[in-house]
Amino acid sequence: MVVLTNNQILITQIEEVSTDLGEPDCKLIEPYILNESNITLSPYLVDFTNQNNFMIHSDKILTIADPNSKLKDKYLSLVKE
């Protein structure tokens, strides 16, 4: 689970990537946005792209945490499809 500096919560796999200074250094793999009001997940940027991997700067990440088992199971069922 990744909380961005804009308070958006993503459930995603994340990898740190070695890059040149100033380039995005984190790869989000199959990120889903958490809708906190009804605990649903929707694909990140689904209305704008078919991509399922995204590069971002680590300075856009506020914190990283492990999701609880219920949320993790929900995410894994979505990415297996």
PDB file of N, CA and C in Angstrom:
ATOM      1  N   MET A   1       0.854  -1.155   0.000  1.00  0.00           N
ATOM      2  CA  MET A   1       0.000   0.000   0.000  1.00  0.00           C
ATOM      3  C   MET A   1       0.907   1.227   0.000  1.00  0.00           C
ATOM      4  N   VAL A   2       0.590   2.173  -0.884  1.00  0.00           N
ATOM      5  CA  VAL A   2       1.368   3.389  -1.018  1.00  0.00           C
ATOM      6  C   VAL A   2       0.430   4.579  -0.802  1.00  0.00           C
ATOM      7  N   VAL A   3       0.809   5.486   0.072  1.00  0.00           N
ATOM      8  CA  VAL A   3       0.063   6.724   0.256  1.00  0.00           C
ATOM      9  C   VAL A   3       0.878   7.829  -0.416  1.00  0.00           C
ATOM     10  N   LEU A   4       0.257   8.477  -1.413  1.00  0.00           N
ATOM     11  CA  LEU A   4       0.935   9.542  -2.136  1.00  0.00           C
ATOM     12  C   LEU A   4       0.801  10.863  -1.393  1.00  0.00           C
ATOM     13  N   THR A   5       1.620  11.825  -1.750  1.00  0.00           N
ATOM     14  CA  THR A   5       1.589  13.124  -1.079  1.00  0.00           C
ATOM     15  C   THR A   5       0.271  13.860  -1.307  1.00  0.00           C
ATOM     16  N   ASN A   6      -0.501  13.460  -2.334  1.00  0.00           N
ATOM     17  CA  ASN A   6      -1.826  14.065  -2.556  1.00  0.00           C
ATOM     18  C   ASN A   6      -2.916  13.317  -1.792  1.00  0.00           C
ATOM     19  N   ASN A   7      -2.513  12.421  -0.870  1.00  0.00           N
ATOM     20  CA  ASN A   7      -3.394  11.610  -0.014  1.00  0.00           C
ATOM     21  C   ASN A   7      -4.138  10.508  -0.745  1.00  0.00           C
ATOM     22  N   GLN A   8      -3.790  10.249  -1.990  1.00  0.00           N
ATOM     23  CA  GLN A   8      -4.378   9.125  -2.716  1.00  0.00           C
ATOM     24  C   GLN A   8      -3.716   7.843  -2.214  1.00  0.00           C
ATOM     25  N   ILE A   9      -4.517   6.810  -1.998  1.00  0.00           N
ATOM     26  CA  ILE A   9      -3.997   5.529  -1.514  1.00  0.00           C
ATOM     27  C   ILE A   9      -4.046   4.526  -2.655  1.00  0.00           C
ATOM     28  N   LEU A  10      -2.893   3.916  -2.923  1.00  0.00           N
ATOM     29  CA  LEU A  10      -2.787   2.907  -3.970  1.00  0.00           C
ATOM     30  C   LEU A  10      -2.409   1.574  -3.345  1.00  0.00           C
ATOM     31  N   ILE A  11      -3.035   0.522  -3.838  1.00  0.00           N
ATOM     32  CA  ILE A  11      -2.617  -0.834  -3.500  1.00  0.00           C
ATOM     33  C   ILE A  11      -1.852  -1.300  -4.730  1.00  0.00           C
ATOM     34  N   THR A  12      -0.577  -1.600  -4.564  1.00  0.00           N
ATOM     35  CA  THR A  12       0.282  -1.873  -5.706  1.00  0.00           C
ATOM     36  C   THR A  12       1.521  -2.638  -5.283  1.00  0.00           C
ATOM     37  N   GLN A  13       2.137  -3.236  -6.256  1.00  0.00           N
ATOM     38  CA  GLN A  13       3.491  -3.734  -6.063  1.00  0.00           C
ATOM     39  C   GLN A  13       4.398  -2.565  -6.445  1.00  0.00           C
ATOM     40  N   ILE A  14       5.524  -2.425  -5.769  1.00  0.00           N
ATOM     41  CA  ILE A  14       6.418  -1.303  -6.044  1.00  0.00           C
ATOM     42  C   ILE A  14       7.856  -1.785  -6.081  1.00  0.00           C
ATOM     43  N   GLU A  15       8.613  -1.246  -7.027  1.00  0.00           N
ATOM     44  CA  GLU A  15      10.030  -1.563  -7.150  1.00  0.00           C
ATOM     45  C   GLU A  15      10.815  -0.271  -7.224  1.00  0.00           C
ATOM     46  N   GLU A  16      11.944  -0.228  -6.522  1.00  0.00           N
ATOM     47  CA  GLU A  16      12.850   0.894  -6.660  1.00  0.00           C
ATOM     48  C   GLU A  16      13.716   0.647  -7.887  1.00  0.00           C
ATOM     49  N   VAL A  17      13.904   1.672  -8.711  1.00  0.00           N
ATOM     50  CA  VAL A  17      14.633   1.549  -9.967  1.00  0.00           C
ATOM     51  C   VAL A  17      15.799   2.526  -9.953  1.00  0.00           C
ATOM     52  N   SER A  18      16.975   2.052 -10.359  1.00  0.00           N
ATOM     53  CA  SER A  18      18.129   2.940 -10.474  1.00  0.00           C
ATOM     54  C   SER A  18      17.973   3.795 -11.724  1.00  0.00           C
ATOM     55  N   THR A  19      18.029   5.108 -11.557  1.00  0.00           N
ATOM     56  CA  THR A  19      17.872   6.022 -12.688  1.00  0.00           C
ATOM     57  C   THR A  19      18.828   7.190 -12.533  1.00  0.00           C
ATOM     58  N   ASP A  20      18.887   8.007 -13.568  1.00  0.00           N
ATOM     59  CA  ASP A  20      19.659   9.242 -13.497  1.00  0.00           C
ATOM     60  C   ASP A  20      18.958  10.220 -12.573  1.00  0.00           C
ATOM     61  N   LEU A  21      19.714  11.127 -12.003  1.00  0.00           N
ATOM     62  CA  LEU A  21      19.170  12.143 -11.117  1.00  0.00           C
ATOM     63  C   LEU A  21      18.058  12.914 -11.818  1.00  0.00           C
ATOM     64  N   GLY A  22      16.918  13.035 -11.163  1.00  0.00           N
ATOM     65  CA  GLY A  22      15.781  13.758 -11.721  1.00  0.00           C
ATOM     66  C   GLY A  22      14.769  12.882 -12.444  1.00  0.00           C
ATOM     67  N   GLU A  23      15.122  11.646 -12.724  1.00  0.00           N
ATOM     68  CA  GLU A  23      14.219  10.717 -13.400  1.00  0.00           C
ATOM     69  C   GLU A  23      13.361   9.993 -12.359  1.00  0.00           C
ATOM     70  N   PRO A  24      12.159   9.540 -12.750  1.00  0.00           N
ATOM     71  CA  PRO A  24      11.335   8.740 -11.822  1.00  0.00           C
ATOM     72  C   PRO A  24      12.108   7.509 -11.346  1.00  0.00           C
ATOM     73  N   ASP A  25      12.026   7.212 -10.048  1.00  0.00           N
ATOM     74  CA  ASP A  25      12.829   6.131  -9.483  1.00  0.00           C
ATOM     75  C   ASP A  25      12.023   5.019  -8.817  1.00  0.00           C
ATOM     76  N   CYS A  26      10.706   5.047  -8.973  1.00  0.00           N
ATOM     77  CA  CYS A  26       9.857   3.987  -8.434  1.00  0.00           C
ATOM     78  C   CYS A  26       8.904   3.491  -9.516  1.00  0.00           C
ATOM     79  N   LYS A  27       8.800   2.185  -9.614  1.00  0.00           N
ATOM     80  CA  LYS A  27       7.899   1.568 -10.585  1.00  0.00           C
ATOM     81  C   LYS A  27       6.702   0.983  -9.840  1.00  0.00           C
ATOM     82  N   LEU A  28       5.523   1.468 -10.185  1.00  0.00           N
ATOM     83  CA  LEU A  28       4.285   0.926  -9.635  1.00  0.00           C
ATOM     84  C   LEU A  28       3.785  -0.152 -10.585  1.00  0.00           C
ATOM     85  N   ILE A  29       3.582  -1.343 -10.073  1.00  0.00           N
ATOM     86  CA  ILE A  29       3.161  -2.481 -10.892  1.00  0.00           C
ATOM     87  C   ILE A  29       1.718  -2.816 -10.543  1.00  0.00           C
ATOM     88  N   GLU A  30       0.849  -2.703 -11.527  1.00  0.00           N
ATOM     89  CA  GLU A  30      -0.584  -2.955 -11.382  1.00  0.00           C
ATOM     90  C   GLU A  30      -1.199  -2.220 -10.188  1.00  0.00           C
ATOM     91  N   PRO A  31      -1.064  -0.887 -10.157  1.00  0.00           N
ATOM     92  CA  PRO A  31      -1.653  -0.133  -9.051  1.00  0.00           C
ATOM     93  C   PRO A  31      -3.167  -0.002  -9.151  1.00  0.00           C
ATOM     94  N   TYR A  32      -3.805  -0.054  -8.016  1.00  0.00           N
ATOM     95  CA  TYR A  32      -5.247   0.163  -7.893  1.00  0.00           C
ATOM     96  C   TYR A  32      -5.479   1.248  -6.859  1.00  0.00           C
ATOM     97  N   ILE A  33      -6.436   2.116  -7.126  1.00  0.00           N
ATOM     98  CA  ILE A  33      -6.804   3.179  -6.202  1.00  0.00           C
ATOM     99  C   ILE A  33      -7.791   2.624  -5.185  1.00  0.00           C
ATOM    100  N   LEU A  34      -7.553   2.906  -3.919  1.00  0.00           N
ATOM    101  CA  LEU A  34      -8.464   2.500  -2.859  1.00  0.00           C
ATOM    102  C   LEU A  34      -9.508   3.586  -2.657  1.00  0.00           C
ATOM    103  N   ASN A  35     -10.772   3.221  -2.826  1.00  0.00           N
ATOM    104  CA  ASN A  35     -11.876   4.115  -2.501  1.00  0.00           C
ATOM    105  C   ASN A  35     -12.222   3.838  -1.043  1.00  0.00           C
ATOM    106  N   GLU A  36     -11.861   4.767  -0.178  1.00  0.00           N
ATOM    107  CA  GLU A  36     -12.002   4.553   1.264  1.00  0.00           C
ATOM    108  C   GLU A  36     -13.451   4.466   1.742  1.00  0.00           C
ATOM    109  N   SER A  37     -14.363   5.116   1.031  1.00  0.00           N
ATOM    110  CA  SER A  37     -15.752   5.146   1.508  1.00  0.00           C
ATOM    111  C   SER A  37     -16.435   3.784   1.431  1.00  0.00           C
ATOM    112  N   ASN A  38     -16.092   2.988   0.412  1.00  0.00           N
ATOM    113  CA  ASN A  38     -16.731   1.674   0.299  1.00  0.00           C
ATOM    114  C   ASN A  38     -15.720   0.534   0.145  1.00  0.00           C
ATOM    115  N   ILE A  39     -14.465   0.819   0.396  1.00  0.00           N
ATOM    116  CA  ILE A  39     -13.372  -0.164   0.358  1.00  0.00           C
ATOM    117  C   ILE A  39     -13.377  -0.956  -0.957  1.00  0.00           C
ATOM    118  N   THR A  40     -13.430  -0.228  -2.063  1.00  0.00           N
ATOM    119  CA  THR A  40     -13.319  -0.856  -3.374  1.00  0.00           C
ATOM    120  C   THR A  40     -12.016  -0.418  -4.031  1.00  0.00           C
ATOM    121  N   LEU A  41     -11.590  -1.199  -5.006  1.00  0.00           N
ATOM    122  CA  LEU A  41     -10.369  -0.904  -5.738  1.00  0.00           C
ATOM    123  C   LEU A  41     -10.698  -0.680  -7.205  1.00  0.00           C
ATOM    124  N   SER A  42     -10.080   0.332  -7.801  1.00  0.00           N
ATOM    125  CA  SER A  42     -10.245   0.570  -9.231  1.00  0.00           C
ATOM    126  C   SER A  42      -8.872   0.815  -9.845  1.00  0.00           C
ATOM    127  N   PRO A  43      -8.666   0.358 -11.075  1.00  0.00           N
ATOM    128  CA  PRO A  43      -7.354   0.509 -11.702  1.00  0.00           C
ATOM    129  C   PRO A  43      -6.934   1.980 -11.782  1.00  0.00           C
ATOM    130  N   TYR A  44      -5.671   2.212 -11.531  1.00  0.00           N
ATOM    131  CA  TYR A  44      -5.082   3.546 -11.556  1.00  0.00           C
ATOM    132  C   TYR A  44      -5.072   4.083 -12.992  1.00  0.00           C
ATOM    133  N   LEU A  45      -5.571   5.282 -13.197  1.00  0.00           N
ATOM    134  CA  LEU A  45      -5.606   5.984 -14.491  1.00  0.00           C
ATOM    135  C   LEU A  45      -6.343   5.202 -15.582  1.00  0.00           C
ATOM    136  N   VAL A  46      -7.307   4.384 -15.198  1.00  0.00           N
ATOM    137  CA  VAL A  46      -8.029   3.517 -16.129  1.00  0.00           C
ATOM    138  C   VAL A  46      -8.732   4.300 -17.243  1.00  0.00           C
ATOM    139  N   ASP A  47      -9.141   5.529 -16.980  1.00  0.00           N
ATOM    140  CA  ASP A  47      -9.836   6.324 -17.991  1.00  0.00           C
ATOM    141  C   ASP A  47      -8.894   6.949 -19.011  1.00  0.00           C
ATOM    142  N   PHE A  48      -7.581   6.841 -18.774  1.00  0.00           N
ATOM    143  CA  PHE A  48      -6.625   7.549 -19.618  1.00  0.00           C
ATOM    144  C   PHE A  48      -5.615   6.670 -20.331  1.00  0.00           C
ATOM    145  N   THR A  49      -5.403   5.448 -19.874  1.00  0.00           N
ATOM    146  CA  THR A  49      -4.378   4.597 -20.466  1.00  0.00           C
ATOM    147  C   THR A  49      -4.695   3.123 -20.227  1.00  0.00           C
ATOM    148  N   ASN A  50      -4.111   2.283 -21.054  1.00  0.00           N
ATOM    149  CA  ASN A  50      -4.224   0.836 -20.880  1.00  0.00           C
ATOM    150  C   ASN A  50      -3.013   0.273 -20.137  1.00  0.00           C
ATOM    151  N   GLN A  51      -2.061   1.125 -19.802  1.00  0.00           N
ATOM    152  CA  GLN A  51      -0.867   0.691 -19.077  1.00  0.00           C
ATOM    153  C   GLN A  51      -1.241   0.136 -17.716  1.00  0.00           C
ATOM    154  N   ASN A  52      -0.411  -0.779 -17.233  1.00  0.00           N
ATOM    155  CA  ASN A  52      -0.606  -1.249 -15.868  1.00  0.00           C
ATOM    156  C   ASN A  52       0.678  -1.134 -15.036  1.00  0.00           C
ATOM    157  N   ASN A  53       1.694  -0.475 -15.597  1.00  0.00           N
ATOM    158  CA  ASN A  53       2.929  -0.160 -14.881  1.00  0.00           C
ATOM    159  C   ASN A  53       3.213   1.325 -15.065  1.00  0.00           C
ATOM    160  N   PHE A  54       3.620   1.997 -13.976  1.00  0.00           N
ATOM    161  CA  PHE A  54       3.841   3.437 -14.012  1.00  0.00           C
ATOM    162  C   PHE A  54       5.115   3.787 -13.254  1.00  0.00           C
ATOM    163  N   MET A  55       5.804   4.794 -13.756  1.00  0.00           N
ATOM    164  CA  MET A  55       6.993   5.304 -13.083  1.00  0.00           C
ATOM    165  C   MET A  55       6.624   6.605 -12.358  1.00  0.00           C
ATOM    166  N   ILE A  56       7.076   6.744 -11.112  1.00  0.00           N
ATOM    167  CA  ILE A  56       6.864   7.979 -10.362  1.00  0.00           C
ATOM    168  C   ILE A  56       8.138   8.323  -9.588  1.00  0.00           C
ATOM    169  N   HIS A  57       8.224   9.565  -9.150  1.00  0.00           N
ATOM    170  CA  HIS A  57       9.321   9.994  -8.286  1.00  0.00           C
ATOM    171  C   HIS A  57       9.019   9.567  -6.852  1.00  0.00           C
ATOM    172  N   SER A  58      10.023   9.103  -6.165  1.00  0.00           N
ATOM    173  CA  SER A  58       9.833   8.676  -4.775  1.00  0.00           C
ATOM    174  C   SER A  58       9.401   9.833  -3.876  1.00  0.00           C
ATOM    175  N   ASP A  59       9.696  11.083  -4.271  1.00  0.00           N
ATOM    176  CA  ASP A  59       9.277  12.208  -3.431  1.00  0.00           C
ATOM    177  C   ASP A  59       7.772  12.449  -3.476  1.00  0.00           C
ATOM    178  N   LYS A  60       7.050  11.722  -4.332  1.00  0.00           N
ATOM    179  CA  LYS A  60       5.583  11.803  -4.375  1.00  0.00           C
ATOM    180  C   LYS A  60       4.940  10.804  -3.420  1.00  0.00           C
ATOM    181  N   ILE A  61       5.766   9.978  -2.775  1.00  0.00           N
ATOM    182  CA  ILE A  61       5.274   8.962  -1.842  1.00  0.00           C
ATOM    183  C   ILE A  61       5.418   9.467  -0.416  1.00  0.00           C
ATOM    184  N   LEU A  62       4.302   9.496   0.310  1.00  0.00           N
ATOM    185  CA  LEU A  62       4.306   9.908   1.706  1.00  0.00           C
ATOM    186  C   LEU A  62       4.737   8.757   2.607  1.00  0.00           C
ATOM    187  N   THR A  63       4.154   7.577   2.370  1.00  0.00           N
ATOM    188  CA  THR A  63       4.514   6.407   3.168  1.00  0.00           C
ATOM    189  C   THR A  63       4.157   5.130   2.413  1.00  0.00           C
ATOM    190  N   ILE A  64       4.772   4.044   2.834  1.00  0.00           N
ATOM    191  CA  ILE A  64       4.509   2.711   2.284  1.00  0.00           C
ATOM    192  C   ILE A  64       4.190   1.797   3.467  1.00  0.00           C
ATOM    193  N   ALA A  65       3.131   1.002   3.328  1.00  0.00           N
ATOM    194  CA  ALA A  65       2.740   0.084   4.405  1.00  0.00           C
ATOM    195  C   ALA A  65       2.170  -1.188   3.799  1.00  0.00           C
ATOM    196  N   ASP A  66       2.143  -2.239   4.589  1.00  0.00           N
ATOM    197  CA  ASP A  66       1.518  -3.485   4.162  1.00  0.00           C
ATOM    198  C   ASP A  66       0.016  -3.387   4.386  1.00  0.00           C
ATOM    199  N   PRO A  67      -0.789  -3.723   3.372  1.00  0.00           N
ATOM    200  CA  PRO A  67      -2.244  -3.703   3.568  1.00  0.00           C
ATOM    201  C   PRO A  67      -2.672  -4.864   4.460  1.00  0.00           C
ATOM    202  N   ASN A  68      -3.855  -4.720   5.075  1.00  0.00           N
ATOM    203  CA  ASN A  68      -4.356  -5.835   5.875  1.00  0.00           C
ATOM    204  C   ASN A  68      -4.705  -7.001   4.951  1.00  0.00           C
ATOM    205  N   SER A  69      -4.926  -8.170   5.504  1.00  0.00           N
ATOM    206  CA  SER A  69      -5.118  -9.375   4.698  1.00  0.00           C
ATOM    207  C   SER A  69      -6.370  -9.299   3.821  1.00  0.00           C
ATOM    208  N   LYS A  70      -7.431  -8.682   4.306  1.00  0.00           N
ATOM    209  CA  LYS A  70      -8.660  -8.563   3.515  1.00  0.00           C
ATOM    210  C   LYS A  70      -8.409  -7.730   2.253  1.00  0.00           C
ATOM    211  N   LEU A  71      -7.741  -6.607   2.408  1.00  0.00           N
ATOM    212  CA  LEU A  71      -7.437  -5.734   1.280  1.00  0.00           C
ATOM    213  C   LEU A  71      -6.433  -6.390   0.326  1.00  0.00           C
ATOM    214  N   LYS A  72      -5.458  -7.058   0.886  1.00  0.00           N
ATOM    215  CA  LYS A  72      -4.457  -7.754   0.069  1.00  0.00           C
ATOM    216  C   LYS A  72      -5.115  -8.850  -0.767  1.00  0.00           C
ATOM    217  N   ASP A  73      -6.007  -9.620  -0.166  1.00  0.00           N
ATOM    218  CA  ASP A  73      -6.710 -10.683  -0.894  1.00  0.00           C
ATOM    219  C   ASP A  73      -7.563 -10.108  -2.023  1.00  0.00           C
ATOM    220  N   LYS A  74      -8.221  -8.980  -1.758  1.00  0.00           N
ATOM    221  CA  LYS A  74      -9.039  -8.333  -2.771  1.00  0.00           C
ATOM    222  C   LYS A  74      -8.162  -7.887  -3.952  1.00  0.00           C
ATOM    223  N   TYR A  75      -7.010  -7.279  -3.654  1.00  0.00           N
ATOM    224  CA  TYR A  75      -6.078  -6.843  -4.683  1.00  0.00           C
ATOM    225  C   TYR A  75      -5.560  -8.038  -5.496  1.00  0.00           C
ATOM    226  N   LEU A  76      -5.134  -9.077  -4.808  1.00  0.00           N
ATOM    227  CA  LEU A  76      -4.582 -10.242  -5.515  1.00  0.00           C
ATOM    228  C   LEU A  76      -5.613 -10.908  -6.423  1.00  0.00           C
ATOM    229  N   SER A  77      -6.870 -10.910  -6.019  1.00  0.00           N
ATOM    230  CA  SER A  77      -7.905 -11.491  -6.880  1.00  0.00           C
ATOM    231  C   SER A  77      -8.091 -10.662  -8.145  1.00  0.00           C
ATOM    232  N   LEU A  78      -7.863  -9.368  -8.073  1.00  0.00           N
ATOM    233  CA  LEU A  78      -7.998  -8.497  -9.244  1.00  0.00           C
ATOM    234  C   LEU A  78      -6.827  -8.626 -10.218  1.00  0.00           C
ATOM    235  N   VAL A  79      -5.620  -8.736  -9.700  1.00  0.00           N
ATOM    236  CA  VAL A  79      -4.444  -8.794 -10.571  1.00  0.00           C
ATOM    237  C   VAL A  79      -4.244 -10.168 -11.192  1.00  0.00           C
ATOM    238  N   LYS A  80      -4.877 -11.197 -10.661  1.00  0.00           N
ATOM    239  CA  LYS A  80      -4.749 -12.542 -11.221  1.00  0.00           C
ATOM    240  C   LYS A  80      -5.568 -12.729 -12.473  1.00  0.00           C
ATOM    241  N   GLU A  81      -6.559 -11.855 -12.700  1.00  0.00           N
ATOM    242  CA  GLU A  81      -7.460 -12.007 -13.850  1.00  0.00           C
ATOM    243  C   GLU A  81      -6.754 -11.764 -15.148  1.00  0.00           C
TER     244      GLU A  81
END
